[in-house]
Amino acid sequence: MSEQSRRPRRPGKPYRRPQKDPVRILAFEALRAVDERDAYANLVLPPLLRKAREKGDFDGRDAALATELVYGTLRRQGTYDAVIAACVDRPLREVDPPVLDVLSLGAHQLLGTRIPTHAAVSASVELARVVLGDGRAKFVNAVLRKVAQDDLDGWLERVAPPYDEDPEDHLAVVHSHPRWVVSALWDSLGGGRAGIEDLLEADNERPEVTLVARPGRGDAEELLDALGEDAALPGRWSPYAVRLTEGGEPGAIEAVREGRAGVQDEGSQLVALALANAPVEGPDRAWLDGCAGPGGKAAMLAGLAAGRGAVLLASEKQPHRAGLVAKALAGNPGPYQVIAADGTRPPWRPGSFDRVLMDVPCTGLGALRRRPEARWRRRPEDLEGFAPLQRALLRTALESVRVGGVVGYATCSPHLAETRAVVDDVLKQYADKQYAGKQGADGRDGGAAELIDARPLLPGVPALGDGPDIQLWPHLHGTDAMYLALIRRTA
């Protein structure tokens, strides 16, 4: 035996099994689902939280922390990417996505929460050991220690270009929006720096959970009394709205379980109310929701229609979404019908309805508070994909309403290409003398139409713009950025 082999081994550092943190593991799993499967956090997170509660791993505080970690990381992803890029020695595209997710979660804890620096770094490194292995955990540790050397304001001074040199890129980094989204929102909003910064900041705030007391089935006052003044407040603008002040699980509320109330942004409620309040010439018996999924506006319209002796037809192209509409309308006090149909090739006859709502598919740039991951998925070229469908659906709506009836064209996007450009183009067709009164290629009649000033139909709601259409904003109204144009068919 050699002399070297007789030497006792040096006592090494004993291996320590990584500590599993259920909260951060769940947050990591949610971010991976968003990245790998193009899932939405608001759909992925609730079942993960429910499963964790059933296993006994979570209490209310754990669920709140997991929710903040997921949504906060997604909202600030652009900012954190810029910070992390300054702390690594390679382009971010060369960092494995799971590693980048752990780094982003760590960056959010360091720069976006009150979690102490040591705890944020150590918890993130432990998470990396569990989900990535010891080797990559060392990389995570090294990067996050660099991130921890400054606070968010300090990092923004270092990684964001000066506003005077590149205003849009500065706002994109500081407020964590893609540059093209900043540009589009700024064009739609108009005005100077203060307004766009207020809007971008509002996009990064956690939205309130708002309920709707469904007309004919529920009452806002009754809902407020049942929830208590510590848990709920009246809506700001809609008489049917109730705002939850303590968050919580809406599905646990009795009125929601029974279908007398539902979760619905106040902006969506206002769109339905404006259409229902618009004056029509002649009878008011048949209403249409032509893009009804998942059913929030349809449920509200059905209740309002029933109160006037009218009937709602709710049409949705996707059968599974039509099923959601049927569920939302179940229990409506008056008659209604739900069908699965393509709104561009409708099965109903032209001129069949007195009121028509077309809440068209869009980029969803007005709901970035609720779906923060959408800002990173959407591309400018997506607008070109939606444009033909939006115009076709608005033409269908105008063909479907009778002369003297009213159409509501709505989007959950403030982008001018999805709002006024669509309305202007379609109305120009209807104003064209060669089109009016003639049949199109599909055999349907043309006609004429005019915009109605929608602003007086929402009394008490401020800052609705110059009209006649309406644009709601998160920073001005506390709602999603819903757009609505009301159009009367005149010939």
Protein backbone atom coordinates (compact mmCIF):
# COMPACT_ATOMS: atom_id res chain seq x y z
CA MET A 1 0.00 0.00 0.00
CA SER A 2 1.43 3.38 -0.98
CA GLU A 3 2.10 6.19 1.41
CA GLN A 4 -0.55 8.30 -0.33
CA SER A 5 -3.21 5.63 0.10
CA ARG A 6 -2.56 5.49 3.85
CA ARG A 7 -3.37 9.15 4.33
CA PRO A 8 -6.81 9.79 5.81
CA ARG A 9 -9.23 11.62 3.58
CA ARG A 10 -9.76 15.24 4.33
CA PRO A 11 -13.11 15.82 5.92
CA GLY A 12 -15.21 17.39 3.15
CA LYS A 13 -18.28 19.55 3.52
CA PRO A 14 -21.14 17.13 4.14
CA TYR A 15 -23.79 16.96 1.45
CA ARG A 16 -26.96 18.77 2.42
CA ARG A 17 -30.19 17.71 0.80
CA PRO A 18 -31.90 20.73 -0.80
CA GLN A 19 -34.83 22.08 1.15
CA LYS A 20 -38.10 21.95 -0.77
CA ASP A 21 -40.11 25.16 -0.57
CA PRO A 22 -43.68 24.40 -1.75
CA VAL A 23 -44.47 28.06 -2.46
CA ARG A 24 -41.50 28.69 -4.76
CA ILE A 25 -41.73 25.28 -6.41
CA LEU A 26 -45.36 26.00 -7.29
CA ALA A 27 -44.44 29.44 -8.64
CA PHE A 28 -41.70 27.86 -10.76
CA GLU A 29 -44.11 25.23 -12.11
CA ALA A 30 -46.59 27.94 -13.08
CA LEU A 31 -43.93 29.94 -14.92
CA ARG A 32 -42.77 26.82 -16.76
CA ALA A 33 -46.34 26.10 -17.88
CA VAL A 34 -46.67 29.67 -19.15
CA ASP A 35 -43.41 29.36 -21.07
CA GLU A 36 -43.61 25.79 -22.35
CA ARG A 37 -47.31 25.47 -23.13
CA ASP A 38 -48.24 29.10 -23.83
CA ALA A 39 -50.62 28.76 -20.90
CA TYR A 40 -52.15 31.71 -19.12
CA ALA A 41 -51.27 32.23 -15.48
CA ASN A 42 -54.86 32.98 -14.53
CA LEU A 43 -55.83 29.51 -15.81
CA VAL A 44 -52.76 27.60 -14.58
CA LEU A 45 -52.42 29.01 -11.08
CA PRO A 46 -55.85 28.28 -9.51
CA PRO A 47 -55.69 24.47 -9.95
CA LEU A 48 -52.10 24.42 -8.67
CA LEU A 49 -53.14 26.39 -5.59
CA ARG A 50 -56.17 24.19 -5.05
CA LYS A 51 -54.08 21.03 -5.23
CA ALA A 52 -51.54 22.47 -2.78
CA ARG A 53 -54.29 23.37 -0.31
CA GLU A 54 -55.80 19.90 -0.60
CA LYS A 55 -52.40 18.36 0.21
CA GLY A 56 -52.11 20.60 3.24
CA ASP A 57 -48.99 22.35 1.92
CA PHE A 58 -50.52 25.82 1.75
CA ASP A 59 -52.38 28.29 3.88
CA GLY A 60 -53.78 31.65 2.81
CA ARG A 61 -50.48 33.49 3.20
CA ASP A 62 -48.65 30.88 1.14
CA ALA A 63 -51.20 31.19 -1.65
CA ALA A 64 -50.88 34.98 -1.60
CA LEU A 65 -47.07 34.78 -1.83
CA ALA A 66 -47.16 32.25 -4.68
CA THR A 67 -49.63 34.44 -6.57
CA GLU A 68 -47.45 37.52 -6.09
CA LEU A 69 -44.32 35.66 -7.21
CA VAL A 70 -45.96 34.42 -10.42
CA TYR A 71 -47.79 37.57 -11.47
CA GLY A 72 -45.07 39.94 -10.28
CA THR A 73 -42.40 38.04 -12.20
CA LEU A 74 -44.49 37.99 -15.37
CA ARG A 75 -45.41 41.67 -15.18
CA ARG A 76 -41.82 42.77 -14.64
CA GLN A 77 -40.22 40.23 -16.95
CA GLY A 78 -38.87 42.85 -19.36
CA THR A 79 -37.24 44.85 -16.58
CA TYR A 80 -35.78 41.76 -14.91
CA ASP A 81 -34.44 40.47 -18.23
CA ALA A 82 -32.54 43.74 -18.68
CA VAL A 83 -31.10 43.47 -15.15
CA ILE A 84 -30.18 39.79 -15.46
CA ALA A 85 -28.59 40.44 -18.87
CA ALA A 86 -26.25 42.92 -17.18
CA CYS A 87 -25.23 40.22 -14.66
CA VAL A 88 -24.43 37.30 -16.95
CA ASP A 89 -21.59 36.76 -19.40
CA ARG A 90 -23.71 35.49 -22.26
CA PRO A 91 -26.80 36.57 -24.22
CA LEU A 92 -30.03 35.73 -22.39
CA ARG A 93 -31.15 33.55 -25.30
CA GLU A 94 -28.28 31.20 -24.39
CA VAL A 95 -29.50 30.79 -20.79
CA ASP A 96 -31.72 27.74 -20.43
CA PRO A 97 -35.37 28.83 -19.94
CA PRO A 98 -35.81 26.97 -16.61
CA VAL A 99 -32.69 28.68 -15.27
CA LEU A 100 -33.98 32.04 -16.46
CA ASP A 101 -37.29 31.40 -14.70
CA VAL A 102 -35.49 30.77 -11.41
CA LEU A 103 -33.37 33.89 -11.93
CA SER A 104 -36.47 35.96 -12.70
CA LEU A 105 -38.23 34.70 -9.59
CA GLY A 106 -35.16 35.61 -7.57
CA ALA A 107 -34.90 39.04 -9.19
CA HIS A 108 -38.52 39.76 -8.35
CA GLN A 109 -37.98 38.82 -4.71
CA LEU A 110 -34.90 41.07 -4.58
CA LEU A 111 -36.22 44.05 -6.52
CA GLY A 112 -40.01 43.86 -6.33
CA THR A 113 -40.86 42.62 -2.82
CA ARG A 114 -39.92 43.28 0.79
CA ILE A 115 -38.33 39.86 1.23
CA PRO A 116 -34.90 40.39 2.87
CA THR A 117 -31.96 40.11 0.50
CA HIS A 118 -30.38 37.09 2.22
CA ALA A 119 -33.68 35.22 2.30
CA ALA A 120 -34.43 36.02 -1.35
CA VAL A 121 -31.05 34.75 -2.54
CA SER A 122 -30.92 31.65 -0.33
CA ALA A 123 -34.51 30.65 -1.16
CA SER A 124 -33.83 31.03 -4.89
CA VAL A 125 -30.63 28.98 -4.66
CA GLU A 126 -32.47 26.23 -2.76
CA LEU A 127 -35.16 26.27 -5.45
CA ALA A 128 -32.45 25.93 -8.11
CA ARG A 129 -30.93 22.96 -6.26
CA VAL A 130 -34.32 21.22 -6.23
CA VAL A 131 -35.44 21.90 -9.80
CA LEU A 132 -32.11 22.40 -11.64
CA GLY A 133 -29.41 20.60 -9.69
CA ASP A 134 -26.38 21.74 -7.68
CA GLY A 135 -24.31 22.78 -10.69
CA ARG A 136 -26.71 25.32 -12.10
CA ALA A 137 -27.64 26.41 -8.57
CA LYS A 138 -24.11 27.82 -8.28
CA PHE A 139 -24.72 29.88 -11.41
CA VAL A 140 -28.01 31.16 -9.96
CA ASN A 141 -26.25 32.06 -6.73
CA ALA A 142 -23.53 34.03 -8.54
CA VAL A 143 -26.00 35.97 -10.71
CA LEU A 144 -28.41 36.84 -7.92
CA ARG A 145 -25.60 38.08 -5.70
CA LYS A 146 -24.81 40.57 -8.46
CA VAL A 147 -28.48 41.54 -8.76
CA ALA A 148 -28.61 42.10 -5.00
CA GLN A 149 -25.88 44.74 -5.17
CA ASP A 150 -28.41 47.44 -6.11
CA ASP A 151 -32.10 48.22 -5.70
CA LEU A 152 -34.62 48.58 -8.53
CA ASP A 153 -34.16 52.33 -8.99
CA GLY A 154 -30.42 51.90 -9.12
CA TRP A 155 -30.66 49.16 -11.71
CA LEU A 156 -33.07 51.16 -13.86
CA GLU A 157 -30.60 54.03 -13.99
CA ARG A 158 -28.03 51.56 -15.28
CA VAL A 159 -30.03 49.48 -17.79
CA ALA A 160 -32.70 51.87 -19.14
CA PRO A 161 -31.66 54.36 -21.83
CA PRO A 162 -32.27 58.01 -20.92
CA TYR A 163 -35.77 59.24 -21.67
CA ASP A 164 -34.47 62.21 -23.67
CA GLU A 165 -32.51 59.92 -25.98
CA ASP A 166 -35.13 57.21 -26.57
CA PRO A 167 -38.47 57.81 -24.80
CA GLU A 168 -40.15 54.60 -25.94
CA ASP A 169 -37.24 52.31 -25.09
CA HIS A 170 -36.84 54.03 -21.72
CA LEU A 171 -40.51 53.44 -20.90
CA ALA A 172 -40.32 49.88 -22.21
CA VAL A 173 -37.50 48.95 -19.80
CA VAL A 174 -38.71 50.96 -16.80
CA HIS A 175 -42.33 49.78 -17.07
CA SER A 176 -41.70 46.33 -18.52
CA HIS A 177 -43.65 46.48 -21.78
CA PRO A 178 -42.40 45.62 -25.28
CA ARG A 179 -41.41 48.74 -27.15
CA TRP A 180 -44.06 48.27 -29.85
CA VAL A 181 -46.77 47.99 -27.18
CA VAL A 182 -45.57 51.22 -25.55
CA SER A 183 -45.74 52.94 -28.93
CA ALA A 184 -49.22 51.60 -29.71
CA LEU A 185 -50.65 52.52 -26.31
CA TRP A 186 -49.12 55.98 -26.51
CA ASP A 187 -50.69 56.55 -29.95
CA SER A 188 -54.09 55.45 -28.67
CA LEU A 189 -53.89 57.49 -25.48
CA GLY A 190 -52.34 60.63 -26.91
CA GLY A 191 -50.91 63.31 -24.65
CA GLY A 192 -47.50 63.58 -23.04
CA ARG A 193 -45.27 61.54 -20.81
CA ALA A 194 -47.38 61.64 -17.63
CA GLY A 195 -50.38 59.91 -19.16
CA ILE A 196 -48.50 57.03 -20.75
CA GLU A 197 -46.46 56.45 -17.59
CA ASP A 198 -49.66 56.33 -15.52
CA LEU A 199 -51.13 53.80 -17.95
CA LEU A 200 -48.04 51.58 -17.98
CA GLU A 201 -47.84 51.68 -14.18
CA ALA A 202 -51.51 50.70 -13.96
CA ASP A 203 -50.82 47.72 -16.22
CA ASN A 204 -48.32 46.50 -13.63
CA GLU A 205 -50.68 46.76 -10.67
CA ARG A 206 -52.69 43.85 -9.36
CA PRO A 207 -56.30 44.39 -10.53
CA GLU A 208 -59.22 44.22 -8.15
CA VAL A 209 -61.53 41.25 -8.35
CA THR A 210 -64.88 42.65 -9.50
CA LEU A 211 -68.18 40.82 -9.36
CA VAL A 212 -71.35 41.48 -11.29
CA ALA A 213 -74.76 40.95 -9.75
CA ARG A 214 -76.50 39.51 -12.79
CA PRO A 215 -79.67 41.45 -13.69
CA GLY A 216 -82.82 39.57 -12.85
CA ARG A 217 -80.92 37.07 -10.71
CA GLY A 218 -78.92 39.12 -8.22
CA ASP A 219 -78.70 42.51 -6.60
CA ALA A 220 -75.54 44.49 -5.82
CA GLU A 221 -76.86 45.72 -2.46
CA GLU A 222 -77.75 42.20 -1.44
CA LEU A 223 -74.31 40.99 -2.48
CA LEU A 224 -72.62 43.78 -0.52
CA ASP A 225 -74.65 42.93 2.58
CA ALA A 226 -73.75 39.25 2.29
CA LEU A 227 -70.03 39.95 1.91
CA GLY A 228 -69.79 42.68 4.55
CA GLU A 229 -68.29 46.14 4.37
CA ASP A 230 -64.82 44.88 5.26
CA ALA A 231 -64.73 42.51 2.29
CA ALA A 232 -66.45 44.43 -0.51
CA LEU A 233 -67.18 47.87 -1.93
CA PRO A 234 -69.67 49.07 -4.55
CA GLY A 235 -68.44 49.37 -8.10
CA ARG A 236 -67.16 52.72 -9.26
CA TRP A 237 -69.42 53.07 -12.28
CA SER A 238 -71.69 50.08 -12.85
CA PRO A 239 -74.74 49.72 -10.57
CA TYR A 240 -74.29 45.95 -10.83
CA ALA A 241 -70.61 45.89 -9.79
CA VAL A 242 -69.13 44.85 -6.43
CA ARG A 243 -65.38 45.08 -5.77
CA LEU A 244 -63.72 42.57 -3.46
CA THR A 245 -61.29 44.33 -1.14
CA GLU A 246 -59.71 41.23 0.38
CA GLY A 247 -59.17 39.17 -2.75
CA GLY A 248 -59.99 35.59 -1.86
CA GLU A 249 -61.64 32.91 -3.95
CA PRO A 250 -64.77 34.19 -5.75
CA GLY A 251 -65.93 30.62 -6.29
CA ALA A 252 -66.45 30.31 -2.53
CA ILE A 253 -69.11 33.06 -2.57
CA GLU A 254 -72.61 31.61 -2.46
CA ALA A 255 -74.06 34.00 -5.05
CA VAL A 256 -71.27 33.09 -7.49
CA ARG A 257 -71.74 29.36 -6.92
CA GLU A 258 -75.46 29.73 -7.60
CA GLY A 259 -74.94 31.81 -10.75
CA ARG A 260 -76.61 34.93 -9.36
CA ALA A 261 -73.28 36.73 -9.61
CA GLY A 262 -70.09 36.26 -11.58
CA VAL A 263 -66.59 37.62 -11.96
CA GLN A 264 -66.61 40.41 -14.55
CA ASP A 265 -64.46 43.47 -15.04
CA GLU A 266 -66.39 46.70 -14.65
CA GLY A 267 -65.36 47.79 -18.14
CA SER A 268 -67.13 44.78 -19.62
CA GLN A 269 -70.21 45.62 -17.59
CA LEU A 270 -70.20 49.18 -18.95
CA VAL A 271 -70.02 47.94 -22.54
CA ALA A 272 -73.12 45.79 -22.02
CA LEU A 273 -74.94 48.61 -20.21
CA ALA A 274 -74.19 51.16 -22.94
CA LEU A 275 -75.57 48.88 -25.63
CA ALA A 276 -78.66 48.12 -23.54
CA ASN A 277 -79.23 51.84 -22.86
CA ALA A 278 -78.86 52.97 -26.48
CA PRO A 279 -82.13 54.22 -27.99
CA VAL A 280 -83.55 52.12 -30.82
CA GLU A 281 -86.26 53.11 -33.26
CA GLY A 282 -89.25 50.81 -33.19
CA PRO A 283 -89.62 47.47 -31.40
CA ASP A 284 -87.03 46.11 -28.98
CA ARG A 285 -87.64 42.39 -28.81
CA ALA A 286 -84.61 40.51 -30.19
CA TRP A 287 -80.99 40.92 -29.05
CA LEU A 288 -77.83 39.20 -30.30
CA ASP A 289 -74.44 38.62 -28.72
CA GLY A 290 -72.47 37.50 -31.76
CA CYS A 291 -69.16 36.62 -30.03
CA ALA A 292 -70.56 35.51 -26.70
CA GLY A 293 -67.79 33.40 -25.15
CA PRO A 294 -67.10 32.95 -22.31
CA GLY A 295 -70.46 34.45 -21.37
CA GLY A 296 -70.03 37.40 -19.00
CA LYS A 297 -71.57 40.06 -21.24
CA ALA A 298 -74.13 37.58 -22.56
CA ALA A 299 -75.36 36.80 -19.03
CA MET A 300 -75.73 40.50 -18.31
CA LEU A 301 -77.51 41.20 -21.61
CA ALA A 302 -79.81 38.22 -21.15
CA GLY A 303 -80.96 39.54 -17.77
CA LEU A 304 -81.46 43.07 -19.08
CA ALA A 305 -83.33 41.76 -22.12
CA ALA A 306 -85.59 39.61 -19.97
CA GLY A 307 -86.53 42.64 -17.89
CA ARG A 308 -87.89 44.30 -21.05
CA GLY A 309 -89.59 41.27 -22.50
CA ALA A 310 -86.86 40.73 -25.09
CA VAL A 311 -84.97 37.54 -26.00
CA LEU A 312 -81.19 37.14 -26.34
CA LEU A 313 -79.50 34.86 -28.85
CA ALA A 314 -75.93 34.15 -27.73
CA SER A 315 -73.71 32.81 -30.51
CA GLU A 316 -70.16 31.52 -30.08
CA LYS A 317 -68.02 29.82 -32.73
CA GLN A 318 -66.11 27.43 -30.46
CA PRO A 319 -68.37 24.69 -29.04
CA HIS A 320 -66.52 24.47 -25.71
CA ARG A 321 -66.85 28.23 -25.25
CA ALA A 322 -70.51 28.01 -26.21
CA GLY A 323 -70.81 25.56 -23.32
CA LEU A 324 -69.35 28.19 -20.98
CA VAL A 325 -71.91 30.68 -22.27
CA ALA A 326 -74.74 28.24 -21.60
CA LYS A 327 -73.45 27.75 -18.07
CA ALA A 328 -73.30 31.50 -17.48
CA LEU A 329 -76.86 31.98 -18.75
CA ALA A 330 -78.38 29.07 -16.83
CA GLY A 331 -81.02 30.41 -14.48
CA ASN A 332 -81.75 33.55 -16.51
CA PRO A 333 -85.28 34.75 -15.67
CA GLY A 334 -86.37 35.08 -19.28
CA PRO A 335 -86.05 33.08 -22.52
CA TYR A 336 -82.72 32.89 -24.32
CA GLN A 337 -80.86 30.66 -26.75
CA VAL A 338 -77.20 29.64 -27.02
CA ILE A 339 -75.79 28.31 -30.29
CA ALA A 340 -72.37 27.40 -31.68
CA ALA A 341 -72.03 29.29 -34.96
CA ASP A 342 -69.48 31.20 -37.04
CA GLY A 343 -70.28 34.88 -36.76
CA THR A 344 -68.92 35.54 -40.24
CA ARG A 345 -71.37 32.98 -41.71
CA PRO A 346 -74.40 33.41 -39.48
CA PRO A 347 -77.34 31.02 -39.59
CA TRP A 348 -79.88 33.78 -38.85
CA ARG A 349 -81.54 36.02 -41.40
CA PRO A 350 -80.35 39.58 -42.07
CA GLY A 351 -82.13 42.28 -40.11
CA SER A 352 -83.31 39.85 -37.40
CA PHE A 353 -82.23 41.84 -34.34
CA ASP A 354 -82.88 45.14 -32.62
CA ARG A 355 -79.58 45.17 -30.71
CA VAL A 356 -76.33 43.41 -31.60
CA LEU A 357 -73.08 43.17 -29.63
CA MET A 358 -69.86 42.10 -31.37
CA ASP A 359 -67.05 41.86 -28.82
CA VAL A 360 -64.51 40.72 -31.40
CA PRO A 361 -61.35 38.63 -30.96
CA CYS A 362 -58.34 40.92 -30.56
CA THR A 363 -54.80 41.17 -29.22
CA GLY A 364 -56.07 41.69 -25.66
CA LEU A 365 -53.72 44.64 -25.04
CA GLY A 366 -56.41 46.18 -22.84
CA ALA A 367 -56.22 43.37 -20.27
CA LEU A 368 -52.50 43.27 -19.57
CA ARG A 369 -53.16 43.69 -15.84
CA ARG A 370 -54.93 40.33 -15.81
CA ARG A 371 -52.87 38.53 -18.42
CA PRO A 372 -49.38 39.99 -18.09
CA GLU A 373 -47.82 37.23 -20.17
CA ALA A 374 -49.83 38.41 -23.21
CA ARG A 375 -47.58 41.45 -23.62
CA TRP A 376 -44.61 39.15 -24.30
CA ARG A 377 -46.48 36.83 -26.65
CA ARG A 378 -48.15 39.30 -28.93
CA ARG A 379 -46.34 40.61 -32.00
CA PRO A 380 -47.19 43.57 -34.27
CA GLU A 381 -47.98 41.12 -37.06
CA ASP A 382 -50.81 39.68 -34.94
CA LEU A 383 -52.80 42.79 -35.82
CA GLU A 384 -52.83 41.75 -39.46
CA GLY A 385 -54.22 38.37 -38.49
CA PHE A 386 -57.12 39.82 -36.52
CA ALA A 387 -58.00 42.65 -38.93
CA PRO A 388 -59.99 40.69 -41.56
CA LEU A 389 -61.97 38.84 -38.89
CA GLN A 390 -62.79 42.02 -36.99
CA ARG A 391 -64.07 43.73 -40.11
CA ALA A 392 -66.04 40.69 -41.20
CA LEU A 393 -67.72 40.40 -37.79
CA LEU A 394 -68.66 44.08 -37.75
CA ARG A 395 -70.15 43.74 -41.25
CA THR A 396 -72.13 40.74 -40.02
CA ALA A 397 -73.37 42.76 -37.07
CA LEU A 398 -74.59 45.59 -39.32
CA GLU A 399 -76.28 43.10 -41.63
CA SER A 400 -77.88 41.32 -38.67
CA VAL A 401 -79.48 44.40 -37.13
CA ARG A 402 -82.66 45.87 -38.58
CA VAL A 403 -82.95 49.46 -39.78
CA GLY A 404 -83.29 51.62 -36.67
CA GLY A 405 -81.48 49.07 -34.51
CA VAL A 406 -78.10 49.47 -32.82
CA VAL A 407 -74.79 47.60 -33.06
CA GLY A 408 -72.09 47.67 -30.39
CA TYR A 409 -68.57 46.99 -31.67
CA ALA A 410 -66.28 46.21 -28.72
CA THR A 411 -62.70 45.10 -28.17
CA CYS A 412 -60.51 44.52 -25.15
CA SER A 413 -57.74 46.41 -26.92
CA PRO A 414 -57.15 50.14 -27.27
CA HIS A 415 -54.93 49.70 -30.34
CA LEU A 416 -56.16 52.07 -33.04
CA ALA A 417 -55.82 49.35 -35.67
CA GLU A 418 -58.38 47.26 -33.78
CA THR A 419 -60.76 50.05 -32.81
CA ARG A 420 -61.35 53.20 -34.84
CA ALA A 421 -59.61 51.91 -37.96
CA VAL A 422 -62.00 48.94 -38.12
CA VAL A 423 -65.09 51.06 -37.50
CA ASP A 424 -64.03 53.75 -39.98
CA ASP A 425 -63.27 51.22 -42.72
CA VAL A 426 -66.57 49.36 -42.39
CA LEU A 427 -68.66 52.53 -42.13
CA LYS A 428 -66.93 53.89 -45.21
CA GLN A 429 -68.11 50.81 -47.08
CA TYR A 430 -71.64 51.43 -45.87
CA ALA A 431 -71.43 55.07 -46.93
CA ASP A 432 -70.24 54.13 -50.41
CA LYS A 433 -73.16 54.74 -52.78
CA GLN A 434 -72.06 51.84 -54.93
CA TYR A 435 -72.30 49.53 -51.92
CA ALA A 436 -75.43 50.83 -50.19
CA GLY A 437 -78.53 49.00 -51.27
CA LYS A 438 -76.61 46.41 -53.28
CA GLN A 439 -75.95 42.81 -52.50
CA GLY A 440 -72.51 41.60 -51.54
CA ALA A 441 -70.83 38.47 -52.84
CA ASP A 442 -72.57 36.46 -50.15
CA GLY A 443 -76.00 37.64 -51.28
CA ARG A 444 -76.60 39.81 -48.22
CA ASP A 445 -77.89 43.33 -48.57
CA GLY A 446 -75.76 46.38 -47.96
CA GLY A 447 -77.02 49.41 -46.09
CA ALA A 448 -76.09 52.62 -44.35
CA ALA A 449 -75.15 53.33 -40.76
CA GLU A 450 -74.09 56.15 -38.43
CA LEU A 451 -72.17 56.42 -35.19
CA ILE A 452 -74.07 57.22 -31.99
CA ASP A 453 -72.48 59.25 -29.21
CA ALA A 454 -72.03 56.56 -26.55
CA ARG A 455 -70.81 58.87 -23.79
CA PRO A 456 -74.23 60.02 -22.47
CA LEU A 457 -75.22 56.38 -22.08
CA LEU A 458 -72.71 56.00 -19.23
CA PRO A 459 -73.68 58.86 -16.90
CA GLY A 460 -71.16 59.62 -14.19
CA VAL A 461 -68.23 57.97 -15.95
CA PRO A 462 -65.54 60.64 -16.55
CA ALA A 463 -62.77 61.02 -19.12
CA LEU A 464 -64.52 59.22 -21.97
CA GLY A 465 -62.76 61.29 -24.61
CA ASP A 466 -64.08 63.34 -27.51
CA GLY A 467 -66.55 60.67 -28.65
CA PRO A 468 -68.64 59.50 -30.24
CA ASP A 469 -66.94 56.22 -29.34
CA ILE A 470 -65.70 55.28 -25.86
CA GLN A 471 -62.27 54.20 -24.67
CA LEU A 472 -61.87 53.08 -21.06
CA TRP A 473 -58.44 53.00 -19.37
CA PRO A 474 -56.98 51.20 -16.33
CA HIS A 475 -55.36 54.36 -14.95
CA LEU A 476 -58.43 56.57 -15.47
CA HIS A 477 -61.32 54.21 -14.75
CA GLY A 478 -59.82 51.26 -12.90
CA THR A 479 -61.09 48.94 -15.65
CA ASP A 480 -59.61 47.01 -18.51
CA ALA A 481 -58.99 49.18 -21.58
CA MET A 482 -62.31 48.35 -23.24
CA TYR A 483 -63.34 50.09 -26.47
CA LEU A 484 -66.93 50.56 -27.65
CA ALA A 485 -68.46 52.12 -30.73
CA LEU A 486 -72.26 52.25 -31.06
CA ILE A 487 -73.66 52.29 -34.59
CA ARG A 488 -77.26 52.71 -35.74
CA ARG A 489 -78.35 51.09 -38.98
CA THR A 490 -80.12 53.79 -40.99
CA ALA A 491 -80.84 52.04 -44.28
